Amino acid sequence: ARLARTGSLATALYPIHVAVGRLLAEFGYANEQYRQPEKN
């Protein structure tokens, strides 16, 4: 049984996904994924 549609689930999990991404970035685990080279 589905508790929520895919869109609703994605919307609900998005803030958590962003928070986790920022948390990992704080520890330097997601630098390559979330941070681009500073060269413009």
C-alpha atoms as a PDB file:
ATOM      1  CA  ALA A   1       0.000   0.000   0.000  1.00  0.00           C
ATOM      2  CA  ARG A   2       1.317   3.414  -0.932  1.00  0.00           C
ATOM      3  CA  LEU A   3       1.081   5.973   1.854  1.00  0.00           C
ATOM      4  CA  ALA A   4       1.729   8.886  -0.477  1.00  0.00           C
ATOM      5  CA  ARG A   5       2.163   9.665  -4.141  1.00  0.00           C
ATOM      6  CA  THR A   6       5.658   9.983  -5.546  1.00  0.00           C
ATOM      7  CA  GLY A   7       5.293  13.763  -5.863  1.00  0.00           C
ATOM      8  CA  SER A   8       4.018  14.164  -2.318  1.00  0.00           C
ATOM      9  CA  LEU A   9       6.738  11.901  -0.976  1.00  0.00           C
ATOM     10  CA  ALA A  10       9.433  13.815  -2.833  1.00  0.00           C
ATOM     11  CA  THR A  11       8.053  17.103  -1.520  1.00  0.00           C
ATOM     12  CA  ALA A  12       8.023  15.744   2.022  1.00  0.00           C
ATOM     13  CA  LEU A  13      11.554  14.363   1.815  1.00  0.00           C
ATOM     14  CA  TYR A  14      13.099  17.317  -0.016  1.00  0.00           C
ATOM     15  CA  PRO A  15      13.769  19.463   3.104  1.00  0.00           C
ATOM     16  CA  ILE A  16      15.278  16.401   4.787  1.00  0.00           C
ATOM     17  CA  HIS A  17      17.420  15.694   1.721  1.00  0.00           C
ATOM     18  CA  VAL A  18      18.684  19.279   1.699  1.00  0.00           C
ATOM     19  CA  ALA A  19      19.347  19.208   5.445  1.00  0.00           C
ATOM     20  CA  VAL A  20      21.290  15.954   5.160  1.00  0.00           C
ATOM     21  CA  GLY A  21      23.258  17.315   2.218  1.00  0.00           C
ATOM     22  CA  ARG A  22      24.196  20.436   4.152  1.00  0.00           C
ATOM     23  CA  LEU A  23      25.076  18.377   7.209  1.00  0.00           C
ATOM     24  CA  LEU A  24      27.364  16.136   5.175  1.00  0.00           C
ATOM     25  CA  ALA A  25      28.905  19.169   3.507  1.00  0.00           C
ATOM     26  CA  GLU A  26      29.706  20.586   6.948  1.00  0.00           C
ATOM     27  CA  PHE A  27      31.869  17.535   7.589  1.00  0.00           C
ATOM     28  CA  GLY A  28      33.377  17.634   4.107  1.00  0.00           C
ATOM     29  CA  TYR A  29      31.855  14.376   2.913  1.00  0.00           C
ATOM     30  CA  ALA A  30      29.817  15.908   0.085  1.00  0.00           C
ATOM     31  CA  ASN A  31      32.203  18.582  -1.154  1.00  0.00           C
ATOM     32  CA  GLU A  32      32.606  16.993  -4.583  1.00  0.00           C
ATOM     33  CA  GLN A  33      28.862  16.536  -4.978  1.00  0.00           C
ATOM     34  CA  TYR A  34      27.516  19.807  -3.607  1.00  0.00           C
ATOM     35  CA  ARG A  35      30.405  22.205  -4.190  1.00  0.00           C
ATOM     36  CA  GLN A  36      31.734  23.192  -7.592  1.00  0.00           C
ATOM     37  CA  PRO A  37      35.306  24.332  -8.274  1.00  0.00           C
ATOM     38  CA  GLU A  38      35.749  27.973  -7.295  1.00  0.00           C
ATOM     39  CA  LYS A  39      37.180  28.749 -10.719  1.00  0.00           C
ATOM     40  CA  ASN A  40      34.681  30.664 -12.825  1.00  0.00           C
END
